[in-house]
Amino acid sequence: MKTEGRNAVLELLKTDKNIDKILIEKDPQGSLKKIFAEARKKNVRVQFADRRALDRESEEGRHQGVIAFCTDYDYSTVEDILSGVKDGEGLIIVCDGIEDVHNLGSIIRVAECAGANGVIIPSNHGASVTGAVVRVSAGAANHIPVAKVNSLNRAIEILKERGFWLYALEADGDDIYSADLKGNAAFVIGGEDGGVRRLTREKCDYTLSIPLKGKVNSLNASVALGIAVYEAVRQRR
């Protein structure tokens, strides 16, 4: 898997992930010099290349002068995520059909910044963690566990068995600002077009909505999630 962009590669170097090599633009300046220094500290192999070589290797054309090559993303399990829950105030994000890599990357970034315990995604009907997702997440995907499961509904059942309340984020639910979000909470965010699927929604304990005051009738999935998780964070402070 390729990780592109200065922030994403710097965050990758802070982890214990196995990095095969890093390709850096010749005559590095600024943060590229910092990346080179950090790579040398960790004994990661560095190769210098001209801009055209980096352009050829880039999958998105947004490499910013650096591309890291590492093994495929190391997914966690639901049990791994649950092992990090303490004090009865767990916070987990469940993605139901998030297909856009930019949305998934943004969701992972929001979850990590809010101190969530982890993110659960389905093995089908949704985006996987790719280099693009890592870049969009600003490297957050390297710091928060992401579990990829065959059955999202079974994962929800496990969360409920472990004392979590499940909250589907949809347009026709109860006002989120009236909900008690303390305790173990898992937010289920649906796909860009269809939202949370019916069977998944039926397994949730509550459906919550964010009040909209303008003429547009929906929010981007990652924005909606950001509002929801930080309302939970606010209530817990």
Protein backbone atom coordinates (compact mmCIF):
# COMPACT_ATOMS: atom_id res chain seq x y z
CA MET A 1 0.00 0.00 0.00
CA LYS A 2 1.21 3.51 -0.79
CA THR A 3 0.88 6.40 1.65
CA GLU A 4 1.22 9.79 -0.03
CA GLY A 5 1.56 13.31 1.33
CA ARG A 6 3.80 14.89 3.95
CA ASN A 7 1.46 14.77 6.96
CA ALA A 8 0.32 11.21 6.23
CA VAL A 9 3.90 9.92 5.92
CA LEU A 10 5.03 11.76 9.07
CA GLU A 11 2.17 10.17 11.02
CA LEU A 12 3.03 6.77 9.54
CA LEU A 13 6.59 7.14 10.85
CA LYS A 14 5.22 7.61 14.38
CA THR A 15 3.75 4.10 14.32
CA ASP A 16 5.29 0.64 14.45
CA LYS A 17 4.02 -0.29 11.00
CA ASN A 18 6.41 -2.01 8.62
CA ILE A 19 7.58 0.52 6.01
CA ASP A 20 9.39 -1.02 3.05
CA LYS A 21 10.81 2.24 1.71
CA ILE A 22 10.12 5.95 1.32
CA LEU A 23 10.49 7.79 -1.97
CA ILE A 24 11.42 11.46 -1.45
CA GLU A 25 11.91 14.24 -3.96
CA LYS A 26 15.56 15.17 -4.58
CA ASP A 27 17.01 18.05 -2.54
CA PRO A 28 14.31 17.86 0.18
CA GLN A 29 13.34 21.05 1.96
CA GLY A 30 11.14 21.90 4.93
CA SER A 31 9.01 19.02 6.18
CA LEU A 32 10.58 16.69 3.59
CA LYS A 33 13.89 17.08 5.43
CA LYS A 34 12.09 16.18 8.66
CA ILE A 35 10.63 13.06 7.03
CA PHE A 36 14.10 12.07 5.84
CA ALA A 37 15.54 12.55 9.34
CA GLU A 38 12.76 10.54 10.98
CA ALA A 39 13.16 7.75 8.43
CA ARG A 40 16.89 7.58 9.12
CA LYS A 41 16.19 7.32 12.87
CA LYS A 42 13.95 4.31 12.26
CA ASN A 43 16.31 2.74 9.73
CA VAL A 44 13.71 2.98 6.97
CA ARG A 45 15.16 2.80 3.49
CA VAL A 46 14.95 6.12 1.62
CA GLN A 47 15.29 6.66 -2.10
CA PHE A 48 15.52 10.06 -3.75
CA ALA A 49 13.73 10.63 -7.03
CA ASP A 50 12.82 13.48 -9.34
CA ARG A 51 9.30 14.87 -9.55
CA ARG A 52 8.43 12.87 -12.67
CA ALA A 53 9.28 9.57 -10.98
CA LEU A 54 7.07 10.49 -8.03
CA ASP A 55 4.28 11.47 -10.41
CA ARG A 56 4.47 8.03 -12.03
CA GLU A 57 4.29 6.25 -8.68
CA SER A 58 1.50 8.43 -7.33
CA GLU A 59 -2.03 7.02 -7.40
CA GLU A 60 -3.69 10.41 -6.87
CA GLY A 61 -1.22 13.02 -8.08
CA ARG A 62 -1.06 14.54 -4.58
CA HIS A 63 2.17 13.12 -3.25
CA GLN A 64 3.68 16.48 -2.12
CA GLY A 65 7.13 15.10 -2.84
CA VAL A 66 6.95 11.92 -0.76
CA ILE A 67 5.47 8.40 -1.05
CA ALA A 68 5.85 5.63 1.53
CA PHE A 69 5.55 1.97 0.54
CA CYS A 70 4.36 -0.44 3.21
CA THR A 71 2.48 -3.66 3.67
CA ASP A 72 -1.28 -3.64 3.30
CA TYR A 73 -3.28 -1.95 6.03
CA ASP A 74 -3.31 -3.96 9.25
CA TYR A 75 -6.95 -4.21 10.29
CA SER A 76 -7.97 -4.75 13.89
CA THR A 77 -10.82 -6.89 15.21
CA VAL A 78 -13.94 -5.78 17.04
CA GLU A 79 -12.46 -7.37 20.18
CA ASP A 80 -9.30 -5.28 19.70
CA ILE A 81 -11.43 -2.15 19.68
CA LEU A 82 -13.46 -3.23 22.70
CA SER A 83 -10.29 -3.96 24.67
CA GLY A 84 -9.53 -0.23 24.62
CA VAL A 85 -12.86 0.78 26.18
CA LYS A 86 -12.49 2.04 29.75
CA ASP A 87 -14.67 3.65 32.40
CA GLY A 88 -17.94 2.80 30.65
CA GLU A 89 -17.61 5.68 28.20
CA GLY A 90 -16.65 3.92 25.01
CA LEU A 91 -17.14 5.62 21.66
CA ILE A 92 -17.20 3.54 18.47
CA ILE A 93 -18.07 4.48 14.89
CA VAL A 94 -19.85 2.01 12.60
CA CYS A 95 -19.82 2.76 8.85
CA ASP A 96 -22.72 1.27 6.90
CA GLY A 97 -21.93 1.51 3.20
CA ILE A 98 -19.51 4.46 3.09
CA GLU A 99 -18.17 3.98 -0.44
CA ASP A 100 -16.34 7.26 -1.04
CA VAL A 101 -12.70 7.05 0.09
CA HIS A 102 -12.66 10.76 0.94
CA ASN A 103 -15.66 10.35 3.23
CA LEU A 104 -14.13 7.31 4.91
CA GLY A 105 -10.83 9.12 5.41
CA SER A 106 -12.60 12.12 6.90
CA ILE A 107 -14.69 9.89 9.19
CA ILE A 108 -11.57 8.14 10.49
CA ARG A 109 -9.93 11.53 11.08
CA VAL A 110 -12.96 12.80 13.03
CA ALA A 111 -13.12 9.58 15.06
CA GLU A 112 -9.43 9.72 15.99
CA CYS A 113 -9.53 13.42 16.89
CA ALA A 114 -12.58 12.86 19.11
CA GLY A 115 -10.82 10.06 20.98
CA ALA A 116 -13.05 7.26 19.69
CA ASN A 117 -11.98 3.70 20.46
CA GLY A 118 -12.25 2.55 16.88
CA VAL A 119 -14.08 2.39 13.57
CA ILE A 120 -15.91 -0.62 12.15
CA ILE A 121 -16.41 -1.03 8.39
CA PRO A 122 -18.00 -3.84 6.34
CA SER A 123 -15.92 -6.07 4.08
CA ASN A 124 -18.56 -5.56 1.37
CA HIS A 125 -20.63 -2.54 0.39
CA GLY A 126 -18.08 0.03 1.43
CA ALA A 127 -14.62 1.49 0.92
CA SER A 128 -11.56 -0.19 2.42
CA VAL A 129 -8.58 1.57 3.99
CA THR A 130 -6.34 2.48 1.07
CA GLY A 131 -3.49 4.89 0.65
CA ALA A 132 -6.00 7.54 -0.37
CA VAL A 133 -8.01 6.98 2.81
CA VAL A 134 -4.86 7.27 4.92
CA ARG A 135 -3.93 10.53 3.18
CA VAL A 136 -7.38 12.06 3.57
CA SER A 137 -7.40 11.03 7.23
CA ALA A 138 -4.17 13.06 7.66
CA GLY A 139 -2.55 9.90 8.97
CA ALA A 140 -5.25 9.26 11.59
CA ALA A 141 -5.83 5.80 10.10
CA ASN A 142 -2.42 4.85 11.49
CA HIS A 143 -3.44 5.78 15.05
CA ILE A 144 -6.96 4.40 15.50
CA PRO A 145 -7.99 0.74 15.12
CA VAL A 146 -10.22 -0.02 12.15
CA ALA A 147 -12.01 -3.38 12.10
CA LYS A 148 -13.25 -4.85 8.82
CA VAL A 149 -16.08 -7.33 9.41
CA ASN A 150 -18.04 -9.77 7.27
CA SER A 151 -21.31 -9.03 9.07
CA LEU A 152 -21.98 -5.50 10.25
CA ASN A 153 -25.16 -6.59 11.99
CA ARG A 154 -23.29 -9.26 13.96
CA ALA A 155 -20.75 -6.63 15.00
CA ILE A 156 -23.62 -4.46 16.23
CA GLU A 157 -24.97 -7.38 18.24
CA ILE A 158 -21.57 -7.83 19.87
CA LEU A 159 -21.47 -4.15 20.79
CA LYS A 160 -24.91 -4.39 22.37
CA GLU A 161 -23.88 -7.50 24.30
CA ARG A 162 -20.96 -5.48 25.67
CA GLY A 163 -23.18 -2.69 26.94
CA PHE A 164 -23.19 -0.24 24.03
CA TRP A 165 -26.16 1.85 22.96
CA LEU A 166 -26.44 2.03 19.17
CA TYR A 167 -27.43 5.33 17.55
CA ALA A 168 -28.27 5.48 13.84
CA LEU A 169 -27.75 8.94 12.35
CA GLU A 170 -30.64 9.63 9.99
CA ALA A 171 -32.79 12.54 8.84
CA ASP A 172 -36.02 11.44 10.51
CA GLY A 173 -34.81 10.66 14.02
CA ASP A 174 -35.04 12.35 17.40
CA ASP A 175 -33.16 15.60 18.02
CA ILE A 176 -29.59 14.65 18.89
CA TYR A 177 -29.35 17.53 21.36
CA SER A 178 -32.08 15.93 23.47
CA ALA A 179 -30.33 12.55 23.65
CA ASP A 180 -28.23 11.33 26.56
CA LEU A 181 -24.96 10.24 24.93
CA LYS A 182 -23.04 9.39 28.09
CA GLY A 183 -21.96 5.81 28.66
CA ASN A 184 -20.92 3.38 25.93
CA ALA A 185 -22.15 4.73 22.60
CA ALA A 186 -21.75 3.62 18.99
CA PHE A 187 -22.81 5.88 16.12
CA VAL A 188 -23.90 4.24 12.87
CA ILE A 189 -23.38 6.44 9.84
CA GLY A 190 -24.87 5.41 6.49
CA GLY A 191 -23.79 5.61 2.88
CA GLU A 192 -23.81 8.73 0.76
CA ASP A 193 -27.01 7.85 -1.09
CA GLY A 194 -29.16 5.44 0.90
CA GLY A 195 -28.16 6.21 4.48
CA VAL A 196 -28.27 3.48 7.12
CA ARG A 197 -29.77 0.30 5.66
CA ARG A 198 -33.14 -0.81 7.02
CA LEU A 199 -31.98 -4.03 8.70
CA THR A 200 -29.04 -2.28 10.29
CA ARG A 201 -31.22 0.58 11.46
CA GLU A 202 -33.66 -1.87 13.06
CA LYS A 203 -30.84 -3.26 15.18
CA CYS A 204 -30.05 0.19 16.57
CA ASP A 205 -31.56 1.40 19.84
CA TYR A 206 -32.26 4.95 18.68
CA THR A 207 -32.32 7.03 15.52
CA LEU A 208 -30.95 10.54 15.94
CA SER A 209 -31.03 13.59 13.68
CA ILE A 210 -29.14 16.86 13.51
CA PRO A 211 -31.44 19.89 13.14
CA LEU A 212 -31.05 21.57 9.74
CA LYS A 213 -31.97 25.23 9.36
CA GLY A 214 -31.10 25.88 5.74
CA LYS A 215 -32.60 24.90 2.39
CA VAL A 216 -30.26 21.92 1.82
CA ASN A 217 -31.77 18.81 3.42
CA SER A 218 -28.67 16.80 4.28
CA LEU A 219 -25.11 16.97 5.57
CA ASN A 220 -22.01 15.21 4.30
CA ALA A 221 -21.53 11.93 6.20
CA SER A 222 -18.27 12.95 7.86
CA VAL A 223 -19.65 16.36 8.84
CA ALA A 224 -22.75 14.78 10.39
CA LEU A 225 -20.57 12.33 12.27
CA GLY A 226 -18.34 15.14 13.51
CA ILE A 227 -21.32 16.98 14.97
CA ALA A 228 -22.62 13.80 16.61
CA VAL A 229 -19.37 12.59 18.19
CA TYR A 230 -18.48 16.03 19.53
CA GLU A 231 -21.93 16.33 21.09
CA ALA A 232 -21.07 13.09 22.89
CA VAL A 233 -17.67 14.51 23.85
CA ARG A 234 -19.31 17.70 25.13
CA GLN A 235 -21.76 15.78 27.30
CA ARG A 236 -18.99 13.71 28.84
CA ARG A 237 -16.82 16.66 29.88
